N, C-alpha and C. Protein backbone atom coordinates (compact mmCIF):
# COMPACT_ATOMS: atom_id res chain seq x y z
N MET A 1 21.69 0.30 -115.64
CA MET A 1 21.51 1.25 -114.57
C MET A 1 22.64 1.14 -113.59
N ARG A 2 23.20 2.27 -113.17
CA ARG A 2 24.26 2.27 -112.25
C ARG A 2 23.77 1.90 -110.84
N LYS A 3 24.68 1.38 -110.05
CA LYS A 3 24.32 0.92 -108.70
C LYS A 3 23.84 2.04 -107.81
N GLY A 4 24.32 3.25 -108.04
CA GLY A 4 23.92 4.38 -107.22
C GLY A 4 22.44 4.73 -107.35
N PHE A 5 21.79 4.25 -108.40
CA PHE A 5 20.40 4.57 -108.61
C PHE A 5 19.45 3.44 -108.24
N THR A 6 20.00 2.33 -107.79
CA THR A 6 19.10 1.22 -107.37
C THR A 6 18.66 1.45 -105.93
N ARG A 7 17.51 1.02 -105.63
CA ARG A 7 16.94 1.20 -104.28
C ARG A 7 17.03 -0.13 -103.53
N ARG A 8 17.60 -0.03 -102.34
CA ARG A 8 17.70 -1.22 -101.52
C ARG A 8 16.35 -1.47 -100.82
N PRO A 9 15.95 -2.74 -100.70
CA PRO A 9 14.70 -3.03 -99.95
C PRO A 9 14.95 -2.75 -98.48
N LYS A 10 13.89 -2.31 -97.81
CA LYS A 10 13.98 -2.03 -96.38
C LYS A 10 14.09 -3.37 -95.62
N VAL A 11 15.00 -3.41 -94.72
CA VAL A 11 15.22 -4.60 -93.91
C VAL A 11 14.51 -4.39 -92.58
N GLU A 12 13.80 -5.42 -92.13
CA GLU A 12 13.13 -5.32 -90.82
C GLU A 12 14.16 -5.31 -89.73
N GLU A 13 13.86 -4.53 -88.68
CA GLU A 13 14.76 -4.47 -87.54
C GLU A 13 14.75 -5.80 -86.84
N PRO A 14 15.93 -6.23 -86.32
CA PRO A 14 15.95 -7.50 -85.57
C PRO A 14 15.18 -7.35 -84.27
N ALA A 15 14.82 -8.50 -83.74
CA ALA A 15 13.99 -8.55 -82.52
C ALA A 15 14.66 -7.82 -81.33
N ALA A 16 16.00 -7.71 -81.37
CA ALA A 16 16.71 -7.08 -80.24
C ALA A 16 16.49 -5.56 -80.20
N ASN A 17 15.94 -5.01 -81.25
CA ASN A 17 15.81 -3.54 -81.30
C ASN A 17 14.35 -3.09 -81.07
N HIS A 18 13.72 -3.56 -80.02
CA HIS A 18 12.36 -3.16 -79.71
C HIS A 18 12.32 -1.90 -78.83
N GLY A 19 13.43 -1.17 -78.76
CA GLY A 19 13.47 0.02 -77.91
C GLY A 19 14.16 -0.29 -76.61
N LYS A 20 13.40 -0.76 -75.64
CA LYS A 20 13.97 -1.06 -74.31
C LYS A 20 14.69 -2.41 -74.38
N ASN A 21 15.72 -2.51 -73.59
CA ASN A 21 16.47 -3.77 -73.49
C ASN A 21 16.11 -4.40 -72.17
N TYR A 22 15.07 -5.21 -72.12
CA TYR A 22 14.69 -5.91 -70.89
C TYR A 22 15.76 -6.92 -70.55
N ILE A 23 16.16 -6.90 -69.28
CA ILE A 23 17.30 -7.76 -68.85
C ILE A 23 17.18 -8.03 -67.37
N THR A 24 17.70 -9.18 -66.94
CA THR A 24 17.71 -9.52 -65.50
C THR A 24 18.94 -8.85 -64.87
N PRO A 25 18.93 -8.71 -63.54
CA PRO A 25 20.11 -8.07 -62.90
C PRO A 25 21.41 -8.80 -63.21
N SER A 26 21.41 -10.12 -63.21
CA SER A 26 22.66 -10.84 -63.49
C SER A 26 23.07 -10.74 -64.94
N GLY A 27 22.12 -10.58 -65.84
CA GLY A 27 22.41 -10.36 -67.25
C GLY A 27 23.08 -9.03 -67.47
N LEU A 28 22.58 -7.98 -66.78
CA LEU A 28 23.18 -6.66 -66.90
C LEU A 28 24.57 -6.68 -66.33
N GLN A 29 24.78 -7.38 -65.22
CA GLN A 29 26.11 -7.44 -64.63
C GLN A 29 27.11 -8.12 -65.59
N ARG A 30 26.64 -9.13 -66.32
CA ARG A 30 27.52 -9.79 -67.27
C ARG A 30 27.97 -8.82 -68.35
N LEU A 31 27.04 -7.98 -68.90
CA LEU A 31 27.40 -7.02 -69.91
C LEU A 31 28.41 -6.01 -69.37
N LYS A 32 28.19 -5.53 -68.13
CA LYS A 32 29.11 -4.59 -67.53
C LYS A 32 30.50 -5.20 -67.28
N ASP A 33 30.51 -6.45 -66.86
CA ASP A 33 31.81 -7.12 -66.65
C ASP A 33 32.59 -7.27 -67.95
N GLU A 34 31.91 -7.63 -69.03
CA GLU A 34 32.59 -7.76 -70.33
C GLU A 34 33.14 -6.40 -70.76
N ARG A 35 32.33 -5.34 -70.65
CA ARG A 35 32.80 -4.01 -71.07
C ARG A 35 34.00 -3.58 -70.22
N HIS A 36 33.94 -3.83 -68.93
CA HIS A 36 35.06 -3.49 -68.02
C HIS A 36 36.33 -4.22 -68.42
N PHE A 37 36.21 -5.52 -68.75
CA PHE A 37 37.35 -6.30 -69.20
C PHE A 37 37.97 -5.72 -70.48
N LEU A 38 37.11 -5.38 -71.43
CA LEU A 38 37.59 -4.86 -72.70
C LEU A 38 38.30 -3.50 -72.50
N LEU A 39 37.72 -2.66 -71.63
CA LEU A 39 38.29 -1.32 -71.42
C LEU A 39 39.58 -1.33 -70.61
N THR A 40 39.66 -2.22 -69.63
CA THR A 40 40.79 -2.18 -68.70
C THR A 40 41.90 -3.17 -68.99
N LYS A 41 41.61 -4.24 -69.73
CA LYS A 41 42.64 -5.25 -69.97
C LYS A 41 42.90 -5.48 -71.47
N GLU A 42 41.86 -5.88 -72.19
CA GLU A 42 42.04 -6.28 -73.59
C GLU A 42 42.52 -5.10 -74.44
N ARG A 43 41.81 -3.98 -74.39
CA ARG A 43 42.14 -2.84 -75.25
C ARG A 43 43.54 -2.29 -74.94
N PRO A 44 43.88 -2.04 -73.65
CA PRO A 44 45.22 -1.53 -73.39
C PRO A 44 46.35 -2.48 -73.88
N ALA A 45 46.13 -3.79 -73.74
CA ALA A 45 47.14 -4.76 -74.21
C ALA A 45 47.32 -4.65 -75.74
N VAL A 46 46.20 -4.54 -76.47
CA VAL A 46 46.27 -4.45 -77.95
C VAL A 46 46.89 -3.12 -78.35
N VAL A 47 46.56 -2.04 -77.65
CA VAL A 47 47.16 -0.71 -77.96
C VAL A 47 48.67 -0.78 -77.81
N GLU A 48 49.13 -1.47 -76.78
CA GLU A 48 50.56 -1.58 -76.56
C GLU A 48 51.23 -2.33 -77.71
N VAL A 49 50.63 -3.41 -78.15
CA VAL A 49 51.18 -4.17 -79.30
C VAL A 49 51.17 -3.32 -80.55
N VAL A 50 50.12 -2.59 -80.82
CA VAL A 50 50.04 -1.75 -82.01
C VAL A 50 51.13 -0.68 -81.95
N ALA A 51 51.35 -0.07 -80.78
CA ALA A 51 52.38 0.97 -80.66
C ALA A 51 53.76 0.36 -80.90
N TRP A 52 53.98 -0.85 -80.36
CA TRP A 52 55.28 -1.54 -80.60
C TRP A 52 55.45 -1.84 -82.09
N ALA A 53 54.41 -2.39 -82.72
CA ALA A 53 54.49 -2.75 -84.13
C ALA A 53 54.71 -1.51 -85.00
N ALA A 54 54.07 -0.42 -84.64
CA ALA A 54 54.22 0.84 -85.43
C ALA A 54 55.65 1.38 -85.35
N SER A 55 56.31 1.14 -84.21
CA SER A 55 57.69 1.61 -84.04
C SER A 55 58.70 0.79 -84.85
N ASN A 56 58.26 -0.31 -85.42
CA ASN A 56 59.16 -1.17 -86.18
C ASN A 56 59.32 -0.70 -87.64
N GLY A 57 58.65 0.38 -88.05
CA GLY A 57 58.86 0.89 -89.39
C GLY A 57 57.70 0.65 -90.30
N ASP A 58 57.98 0.15 -91.49
CA ASP A 58 57.01 -0.01 -92.58
C ASP A 58 55.73 -0.69 -92.12
N ARG A 59 54.66 0.05 -92.08
CA ARG A 59 53.38 -0.48 -91.60
C ARG A 59 52.61 -1.24 -92.68
N SER A 60 52.92 -1.02 -93.95
CA SER A 60 52.17 -1.64 -95.02
C SER A 60 52.40 -3.16 -95.06
N GLU A 61 53.55 -3.63 -94.61
CA GLU A 61 53.85 -5.06 -94.60
C GLU A 61 54.05 -5.60 -93.22
N ASN A 62 53.53 -4.89 -92.22
CA ASN A 62 53.70 -5.25 -90.83
C ASN A 62 52.43 -5.96 -90.34
N ALA A 63 52.49 -7.28 -90.30
CA ALA A 63 51.31 -8.07 -89.93
C ALA A 63 50.86 -7.80 -88.50
N ASP A 64 51.78 -7.60 -87.58
CA ASP A 64 51.42 -7.29 -86.20
C ASP A 64 50.64 -6.02 -86.12
N TYR A 65 51.07 -5.03 -86.85
CA TYR A 65 50.41 -3.71 -86.84
C TYR A 65 49.00 -3.83 -87.44
N GLN A 66 48.93 -4.48 -88.64
CA GLN A 66 47.63 -4.58 -89.31
C GLN A 66 46.63 -5.42 -88.52
N TYR A 67 47.10 -6.55 -87.97
CA TYR A 67 46.20 -7.36 -87.16
C TYR A 67 45.77 -6.62 -85.92
N GLY A 68 46.72 -5.94 -85.28
CA GLY A 68 46.42 -5.17 -84.06
C GLY A 68 45.39 -4.08 -84.30
N LYS A 69 45.57 -3.35 -85.42
CA LYS A 69 44.58 -2.30 -85.74
C LYS A 69 43.19 -2.89 -86.00
N ARG A 70 43.14 -4.04 -86.70
CA ARG A 70 41.86 -4.68 -86.97
C ARG A 70 41.22 -5.14 -85.65
N ARG A 71 42.04 -5.74 -84.76
CA ARG A 71 41.53 -6.20 -83.46
C ARG A 71 41.04 -5.02 -82.65
N LEU A 72 41.72 -3.91 -82.73
CA LEU A 72 41.34 -2.69 -81.99
C LEU A 72 39.98 -2.20 -82.48
N ARG A 73 39.73 -2.23 -83.78
CA ARG A 73 38.42 -1.83 -84.32
C ARG A 73 37.32 -2.77 -83.82
N GLN A 74 37.64 -4.08 -83.78
CA GLN A 74 36.65 -5.03 -83.27
C GLN A 74 36.30 -4.77 -81.79
N ILE A 75 37.34 -4.52 -80.99
CA ILE A 75 37.11 -4.25 -79.56
C ILE A 75 36.30 -2.97 -79.38
N ASP A 76 36.66 -1.93 -80.13
CA ASP A 76 35.93 -0.65 -80.01
C ASP A 76 34.47 -0.82 -80.43
N GLY A 77 34.23 -1.60 -81.47
CA GLY A 77 32.85 -1.85 -81.91
C GLY A 77 32.05 -2.60 -80.85
N ARG A 78 32.71 -3.58 -80.20
CA ARG A 78 32.04 -4.35 -79.16
C ARG A 78 31.74 -3.47 -77.94
N ILE A 79 32.70 -2.58 -77.60
CA ILE A 79 32.49 -1.66 -76.47
C ILE A 79 31.32 -0.75 -76.74
N ARG A 80 31.23 -0.20 -77.98
CA ARG A 80 30.06 0.67 -78.34
C ARG A 80 28.77 -0.12 -78.23
N PHE A 81 28.75 -1.34 -78.74
CA PHE A 81 27.54 -2.16 -78.67
C PHE A 81 27.12 -2.42 -77.23
N LEU A 82 28.07 -2.81 -76.38
CA LEU A 82 27.77 -3.08 -74.98
C LEU A 82 27.26 -1.83 -74.26
N THR A 83 27.88 -0.69 -74.56
CA THR A 83 27.47 0.58 -73.94
C THR A 83 26.02 0.90 -74.31
N LYS A 84 25.66 0.74 -75.58
CA LYS A 84 24.27 0.98 -76.02
C LYS A 84 23.30 0.03 -75.30
N ARG A 85 23.68 -1.26 -75.18
CA ARG A 85 22.77 -2.20 -74.55
C ARG A 85 22.63 -1.90 -73.06
N ILE A 86 23.70 -1.49 -72.42
CA ILE A 86 23.66 -1.13 -71.00
C ILE A 86 22.82 0.11 -70.78
N ASP A 87 23.02 1.13 -71.65
CA ASP A 87 22.26 2.37 -71.51
C ASP A 87 20.78 2.17 -71.74
N ALA A 88 20.41 1.20 -72.60
CA ALA A 88 18.97 0.96 -72.92
C ALA A 88 18.38 -0.06 -71.96
N ALA A 89 19.15 -0.56 -71.02
CA ALA A 89 18.67 -1.66 -70.14
C ALA A 89 17.52 -1.25 -69.26
N GLU A 90 16.53 -2.09 -69.24
CA GLU A 90 15.37 -1.97 -68.35
C GLU A 90 15.40 -3.22 -67.47
N VAL A 91 15.96 -3.08 -66.28
CA VAL A 91 16.20 -4.24 -65.40
C VAL A 91 14.86 -4.72 -64.79
N VAL A 92 14.65 -6.03 -64.90
CA VAL A 92 13.46 -6.65 -64.34
C VAL A 92 13.97 -7.82 -63.48
N ASP A 93 13.68 -7.73 -62.19
CA ASP A 93 14.14 -8.77 -61.27
C ASP A 93 13.06 -9.83 -61.14
N PRO A 94 13.33 -11.06 -61.58
CA PRO A 94 12.33 -12.14 -61.48
C PRO A 94 11.94 -12.46 -60.04
N GLU A 95 12.79 -12.16 -59.07
CA GLU A 95 12.50 -12.46 -57.67
C GLU A 95 11.71 -11.39 -56.96
N ALA A 96 11.48 -10.25 -57.65
CA ALA A 96 10.74 -9.14 -57.02
C ALA A 96 9.30 -9.61 -56.70
N PRO A 97 8.75 -9.16 -55.55
CA PRO A 97 7.37 -9.56 -55.18
C PRO A 97 6.36 -9.11 -56.26
N ARG A 98 5.41 -10.00 -56.54
CA ARG A 98 4.38 -9.74 -57.54
C ARG A 98 3.01 -10.00 -56.93
N THR A 99 2.04 -9.23 -57.42
CA THR A 99 0.67 -9.40 -56.94
C THR A 99 -0.26 -9.52 -58.13
N GLY A 100 -1.44 -10.06 -57.90
CA GLY A 100 -2.46 -10.14 -58.93
C GLY A 100 -1.99 -10.97 -60.12
N GLN A 101 -2.36 -10.50 -61.31
CA GLN A 101 -2.03 -11.23 -62.53
C GLN A 101 -0.51 -11.33 -62.75
N ARG A 102 0.22 -10.35 -62.25
CA ARG A 102 1.69 -10.35 -62.43
C ARG A 102 2.32 -11.57 -61.75
N ALA A 103 1.63 -12.15 -60.75
CA ALA A 103 2.15 -13.31 -60.04
C ALA A 103 1.75 -14.62 -60.69
N THR A 104 0.66 -14.62 -61.47
CA THR A 104 0.15 -15.89 -62.00
C THR A 104 0.31 -16.01 -63.52
N ARG A 105 0.59 -14.90 -64.19
CA ARG A 105 0.77 -14.93 -65.66
C ARG A 105 2.25 -14.84 -66.00
N ALA A 106 2.60 -15.36 -67.18
CA ALA A 106 3.99 -15.37 -67.63
C ALA A 106 4.33 -14.03 -68.25
N PHE A 107 5.28 -13.36 -67.63
CA PHE A 107 5.83 -12.11 -68.17
C PHE A 107 7.34 -12.28 -68.19
N PHE A 108 8.05 -11.22 -68.52
CA PHE A 108 9.49 -11.30 -68.56
C PHE A 108 10.02 -11.74 -67.20
N GLY A 109 10.94 -12.70 -67.21
CA GLY A 109 11.51 -13.24 -65.95
C GLY A 109 10.82 -14.49 -65.41
N ALA A 110 9.73 -14.89 -66.07
CA ALA A 110 8.98 -16.07 -65.62
C ALA A 110 9.71 -17.36 -66.05
N THR A 111 9.53 -18.38 -65.24
CA THR A 111 9.99 -19.74 -65.63
C THR A 111 8.68 -20.51 -65.85
N VAL A 112 8.52 -21.03 -67.05
CA VAL A 112 7.27 -21.69 -67.46
C VAL A 112 7.49 -23.16 -67.77
N ARG A 113 6.70 -24.03 -67.15
CA ARG A 113 6.67 -25.44 -67.49
C ARG A 113 5.48 -25.68 -68.39
N TYR A 114 5.72 -26.29 -69.54
CA TYR A 114 4.65 -26.49 -70.52
C TYR A 114 4.80 -27.88 -71.14
N ALA A 115 3.72 -28.29 -71.81
CA ALA A 115 3.70 -29.59 -72.50
C ALA A 115 3.18 -29.40 -73.93
N ASN A 116 3.72 -30.19 -74.85
CA ASN A 116 3.21 -30.16 -76.22
C ASN A 116 2.08 -31.15 -76.38
N ALA A 117 1.54 -31.30 -77.57
CA ALA A 117 0.38 -32.15 -77.81
C ALA A 117 0.67 -33.64 -77.48
N ALA A 118 1.93 -34.05 -77.63
CA ALA A 118 2.33 -35.42 -77.35
C ALA A 118 2.53 -35.66 -75.85
N GLY A 119 2.47 -34.59 -75.04
CA GLY A 119 2.61 -34.72 -73.61
C GLY A 119 4.04 -34.52 -73.09
N ALA A 120 4.98 -34.24 -74.00
CA ALA A 120 6.34 -34.02 -73.59
C ALA A 120 6.45 -32.69 -72.86
N GLU A 121 7.00 -32.70 -71.64
CA GLU A 121 7.09 -31.50 -70.82
C GLU A 121 8.48 -30.86 -71.02
N ARG A 122 8.45 -29.53 -70.96
CA ARG A 122 9.67 -28.74 -71.06
C ARG A 122 9.55 -27.55 -70.11
N VAL A 123 10.68 -26.94 -69.77
CA VAL A 123 10.72 -25.79 -68.94
C VAL A 123 11.55 -24.72 -69.66
N ALA A 124 11.06 -23.47 -69.65
CA ALA A 124 11.81 -22.38 -70.25
C ALA A 124 11.70 -21.14 -69.38
N SER A 125 12.82 -20.41 -69.25
CA SER A 125 12.83 -19.14 -68.55
C SER A 125 12.87 -18.03 -69.58
N ILE A 126 12.01 -17.03 -69.41
CA ILE A 126 11.90 -15.94 -70.40
C ILE A 126 12.86 -14.81 -69.96
N VAL A 127 13.88 -14.57 -70.79
CA VAL A 127 14.92 -13.60 -70.46
C VAL A 127 15.10 -12.63 -71.62
N GLY A 128 16.05 -11.74 -71.47
CA GLY A 128 16.35 -10.75 -72.49
C GLY A 128 17.17 -11.32 -73.64
N THR A 129 17.23 -10.53 -74.73
CA THR A 129 17.91 -11.00 -75.93
C THR A 129 19.44 -11.15 -75.72
N ASP A 130 19.97 -10.50 -74.71
CA ASP A 130 21.42 -10.63 -74.40
C ASP A 130 21.69 -11.80 -73.48
N GLU A 131 20.68 -12.50 -73.02
CA GLU A 131 20.85 -13.56 -72.02
C GLU A 131 20.47 -14.92 -72.54
N ILE A 132 20.18 -15.07 -73.80
CA ILE A 132 19.74 -16.35 -74.38
C ILE A 132 20.81 -17.41 -74.11
N ASP A 133 20.40 -18.55 -73.59
CA ASP A 133 21.31 -19.67 -73.33
C ASP A 133 20.44 -20.93 -73.45
N LEU A 134 20.42 -21.54 -74.62
CA LEU A 134 19.57 -22.68 -74.82
C LEU A 134 19.98 -23.90 -73.99
N ASP A 135 21.26 -23.98 -73.60
CA ASP A 135 21.69 -25.08 -72.71
C ASP A 135 21.04 -24.99 -71.33
N ARG A 136 20.71 -23.77 -70.93
CA ARG A 136 20.04 -23.53 -69.63
C ARG A 136 18.54 -23.31 -69.80
N ASN A 137 18.01 -23.45 -71.02
CA ASN A 137 16.61 -23.21 -71.32
C ASN A 137 16.19 -21.77 -71.09
N HIS A 138 17.08 -20.85 -71.37
CA HIS A 138 16.79 -19.41 -71.31
C HIS A 138 16.44 -18.95 -72.71
N ILE A 139 15.19 -18.53 -72.89
CA ILE A 139 14.75 -18.09 -74.23
C ILE A 139 14.43 -16.61 -74.18
N SER A 140 14.53 -15.96 -75.32
CA SER A 140 14.24 -14.54 -75.41
C SER A 140 12.76 -14.29 -75.37
N TRP A 141 12.39 -13.19 -74.73
CA TRP A 141 10.98 -12.80 -74.70
C TRP A 141 10.48 -12.45 -76.11
N ALA A 142 11.43 -12.15 -77.03
CA ALA A 142 11.04 -11.79 -78.40
C ALA A 142 11.03 -12.99 -79.37
N SER A 143 11.41 -14.16 -78.87
CA SER A 143 11.43 -15.38 -79.71
C SER A 143 10.00 -15.85 -79.92
N PRO A 144 9.78 -16.72 -80.94
CA PRO A 144 8.42 -17.22 -81.15
C PRO A 144 7.85 -17.95 -79.91
N LEU A 145 8.67 -18.75 -79.21
CA LEU A 145 8.20 -19.43 -78.01
C LEU A 145 7.95 -18.41 -76.89
N GLY A 146 8.84 -17.47 -76.71
CA GLY A 146 8.68 -16.44 -75.71
C GLY A 146 7.41 -15.65 -75.91
N ARG A 147 7.14 -15.24 -77.17
CA ARG A 147 5.92 -14.48 -77.46
C ARG A 147 4.66 -15.33 -77.23
N ALA A 148 4.75 -16.64 -77.52
CA ALA A 148 3.59 -17.52 -77.33
C ALA A 148 3.27 -17.66 -75.85
N LEU A 149 4.30 -17.75 -75.01
CA LEU A 149 4.08 -17.98 -73.56
C LEU A 149 3.72 -16.71 -72.79
N MET A 150 4.08 -15.56 -73.35
CA MET A 150 3.80 -14.30 -72.63
C MET A 150 2.32 -14.12 -72.33
N ARG A 151 1.99 -13.71 -71.12
CA ARG A 151 0.67 -13.46 -70.63
C ARG A 151 -0.17 -14.71 -70.35
N ALA A 152 0.43 -15.90 -70.57
CA ALA A 152 -0.30 -17.15 -70.34
C ALA A 152 -0.23 -17.49 -68.85
N SER A 153 -1.22 -18.19 -68.36
CA SER A 153 -1.21 -18.66 -66.98
C SER A 153 -1.46 -20.16 -66.95
N GLU A 154 -1.31 -20.75 -65.79
CA GLU A 154 -1.48 -22.20 -65.65
C GLU A 154 -2.81 -22.68 -66.22
N GLY A 155 -2.75 -23.71 -67.06
CA GLY A 155 -3.96 -24.27 -67.66
C GLY A 155 -4.28 -23.70 -69.04
N ASP A 156 -3.63 -22.60 -69.43
CA ASP A 156 -3.90 -22.00 -70.74
C ASP A 156 -3.28 -22.80 -71.87
N GLU A 157 -3.97 -22.80 -73.01
CA GLU A 157 -3.42 -23.37 -74.23
C GLU A 157 -2.92 -22.19 -75.06
N VAL A 158 -1.70 -22.30 -75.54
CA VAL A 158 -1.12 -21.26 -76.38
C VAL A 158 -0.69 -21.84 -77.70
N VAL A 159 -0.64 -21.01 -78.71
CA VAL A 159 -0.24 -21.47 -80.06
C VAL A 159 1.15 -20.95 -80.37
N LEU A 160 2.06 -21.88 -80.63
CA LEU A 160 3.42 -21.52 -80.99
C LEU A 160 3.51 -21.51 -82.53
N ARG A 161 3.80 -20.34 -83.06
CA ARG A 161 3.98 -20.18 -84.50
C ARG A 161 5.47 -20.07 -84.76
N ALA A 162 6.06 -21.16 -85.21
CA ALA A 162 7.51 -21.17 -85.44
C ALA A 162 7.75 -21.44 -86.94
N PRO A 163 8.98 -21.19 -87.40
CA PRO A 163 9.29 -21.46 -88.81
C PRO A 163 8.98 -22.90 -89.24
N GLY A 164 9.09 -23.85 -88.27
CA GLY A 164 8.82 -25.25 -88.60
C GLY A 164 7.36 -25.61 -88.61
N GLY A 165 6.47 -24.66 -88.26
CA GLY A 165 5.04 -24.94 -88.24
C GLY A 165 4.37 -24.44 -86.99
N THR A 166 3.09 -24.79 -86.83
CA THR A 166 2.29 -24.34 -85.71
C THR A 166 2.09 -25.49 -84.74
N GLU A 167 2.18 -25.18 -83.44
CA GLU A 167 2.00 -26.23 -82.42
C GLU A 167 1.22 -25.65 -81.24
N THR A 168 0.37 -26.46 -80.64
CA THR A 168 -0.37 -26.04 -79.46
C THR A 168 0.33 -26.54 -78.21
N LEU A 169 0.54 -25.66 -77.26
CA LEU A 169 1.21 -25.99 -76.01
C LEU A 169 0.24 -25.73 -74.86
N ILE A 170 0.39 -26.53 -73.78
CA ILE A 170 -0.43 -26.34 -72.61
C ILE A 170 0.51 -25.87 -71.49
N VAL A 171 0.17 -24.74 -70.87
CA VAL A 171 0.97 -24.19 -69.78
C VAL A 171 0.61 -24.92 -68.50
N LEU A 172 1.62 -25.56 -67.87
CA LEU A 172 1.40 -26.36 -66.67
C LEU A 172 1.71 -25.58 -65.40
N GLU A 173 2.70 -24.67 -65.48
CA GLU A 173 3.08 -23.94 -64.28
C GLU A 173 3.83 -22.65 -64.67
N VAL A 174 3.56 -21.58 -63.93
CA VAL A 174 4.26 -20.31 -64.10
C VAL A 174 4.80 -19.93 -62.73
N ARG A 175 6.09 -19.71 -62.63
CA ARG A 175 6.70 -19.31 -61.39
C ARG A 175 7.80 -18.27 -61.64
N TYR A 176 8.13 -17.55 -60.59
CA TYR A 176 9.14 -16.53 -60.68
C TYR A 176 10.25 -16.87 -59.68
N ASP A 177 11.35 -17.41 -60.20
CA ASP A 177 12.50 -17.78 -59.40
C ASP A 177 13.70 -16.98 -59.86
N ARG A 178 14.78 -17.12 -59.13
CA ARG A 178 16.05 -16.49 -59.58
C ARG A 178 16.51 -17.19 -60.86
N ILE A 179 16.89 -16.38 -61.84
CA ILE A 179 17.42 -16.93 -63.12
C ILE A 179 18.91 -16.67 -63.11
N SER A 180 19.65 -17.73 -63.05
CA SER A 180 21.10 -17.59 -63.00
C SER A 180 21.67 -17.53 -64.41
N VAL A 181 22.21 -16.38 -64.76
CA VAL A 181 22.86 -16.18 -66.06
C VAL A 181 24.34 -16.48 -65.91
N LYS A 182 24.87 -17.18 -66.88
CA LYS A 182 26.28 -17.54 -66.84
C LYS A 182 27.12 -16.27 -66.78
N PRO A 183 27.95 -16.09 -65.72
CA PRO A 183 28.73 -14.85 -65.61
C PRO A 183 29.79 -14.74 -66.70
N PHE A 184 30.25 -13.53 -66.94
CA PHE A 184 31.30 -13.29 -67.93
C PHE A 184 32.63 -13.86 -67.42
N ARG A 185 33.30 -14.60 -68.27
CA ARG A 185 34.61 -15.13 -67.97
C ARG A 185 35.59 -14.62 -68.99
N GLU A 186 36.74 -14.20 -68.51
CA GLU A 186 37.79 -13.76 -69.44
C GLU A 186 38.17 -14.94 -70.34
N PRO A 187 38.17 -14.73 -71.66
CA PRO A 187 38.52 -15.83 -72.54
C PRO A 187 39.97 -16.24 -72.35
N PRO A 188 40.30 -17.53 -72.38
CA PRO A 188 41.67 -17.96 -72.19
C PRO A 188 42.55 -17.42 -73.34
N GLY A 189 43.69 -16.86 -72.96
CA GLY A 189 44.63 -16.34 -73.96
C GLY A 189 44.15 -15.05 -74.63
N SER A 190 43.15 -14.39 -74.03
CA SER A 190 42.58 -13.21 -74.67
C SER A 190 43.51 -12.01 -74.62
N GLU A 191 44.26 -11.89 -73.51
CA GLU A 191 45.16 -10.76 -73.42
C GLU A 191 46.37 -11.02 -74.31
N VAL A 192 46.77 -10.02 -75.01
CA VAL A 192 47.93 -10.11 -75.88
C VAL A 192 49.17 -9.92 -75.00
N SER A 193 50.07 -10.87 -75.01
CA SER A 193 51.25 -10.73 -74.21
C SER A 193 52.16 -9.69 -74.80
N THR A 194 52.63 -8.82 -73.91
CA THR A 194 53.53 -7.75 -74.41
C THR A 194 54.97 -8.01 -73.96
N LYS A 195 55.20 -9.20 -73.38
CA LYS A 195 56.56 -9.51 -72.94
C LYS A 195 57.44 -9.73 -74.16
N GLY A 196 58.61 -9.23 -74.12
CA GLY A 196 59.55 -9.43 -75.19
C GLY A 196 59.36 -8.54 -76.38
N LEU A 197 58.42 -7.58 -76.32
CA LEU A 197 58.23 -6.68 -77.44
C LEU A 197 59.31 -5.65 -77.56
N GLN A 198 59.87 -5.22 -76.43
CA GLN A 198 60.97 -4.26 -76.46
C GLN A 198 62.26 -4.99 -76.71
N ARG A 199 62.88 -4.67 -77.80
CA ARG A 199 64.15 -5.35 -78.14
C ARG A 199 65.26 -4.37 -78.25
């Protein structure tokens, strides 16, 4: 049977594609800063290198031209991705005043202190899929732990269903504080130097 007649199995959408892109204000700012950097610095620098390399003649064996074009496609793809994520952003400020159950239950933006069956305590902040930072204990609301903690309040027992097995956790505290997301930093050496290209 030819490949054109085979049917591909349907792939489940990743957790990041639940429609809305829930994100904290600082997480949204990081996405905007990265897009701004790509549009105003990185892309123009690469375009200049590609134009210089194209002026050198034979493009089929011109490594600068081929690498530059490939890098340009990567940058454009990242800009499209960031634009979609920014357009779909649903900003939730963890510091916004909350009343009733919204103040005592874990929802997006909550910082939750919990303990496992052995009594080991941990703290996790529930953030968006673009803000995950395990070094800072920022977990996605769509992760197994995030889903287990959602809607829980102090004293609740929740069941964590993870690939490694099932575990019961006890929620010790739910609070809403500022969640500091690591800001976007320009990567060192990211800009392509255009000095000396004109000969």
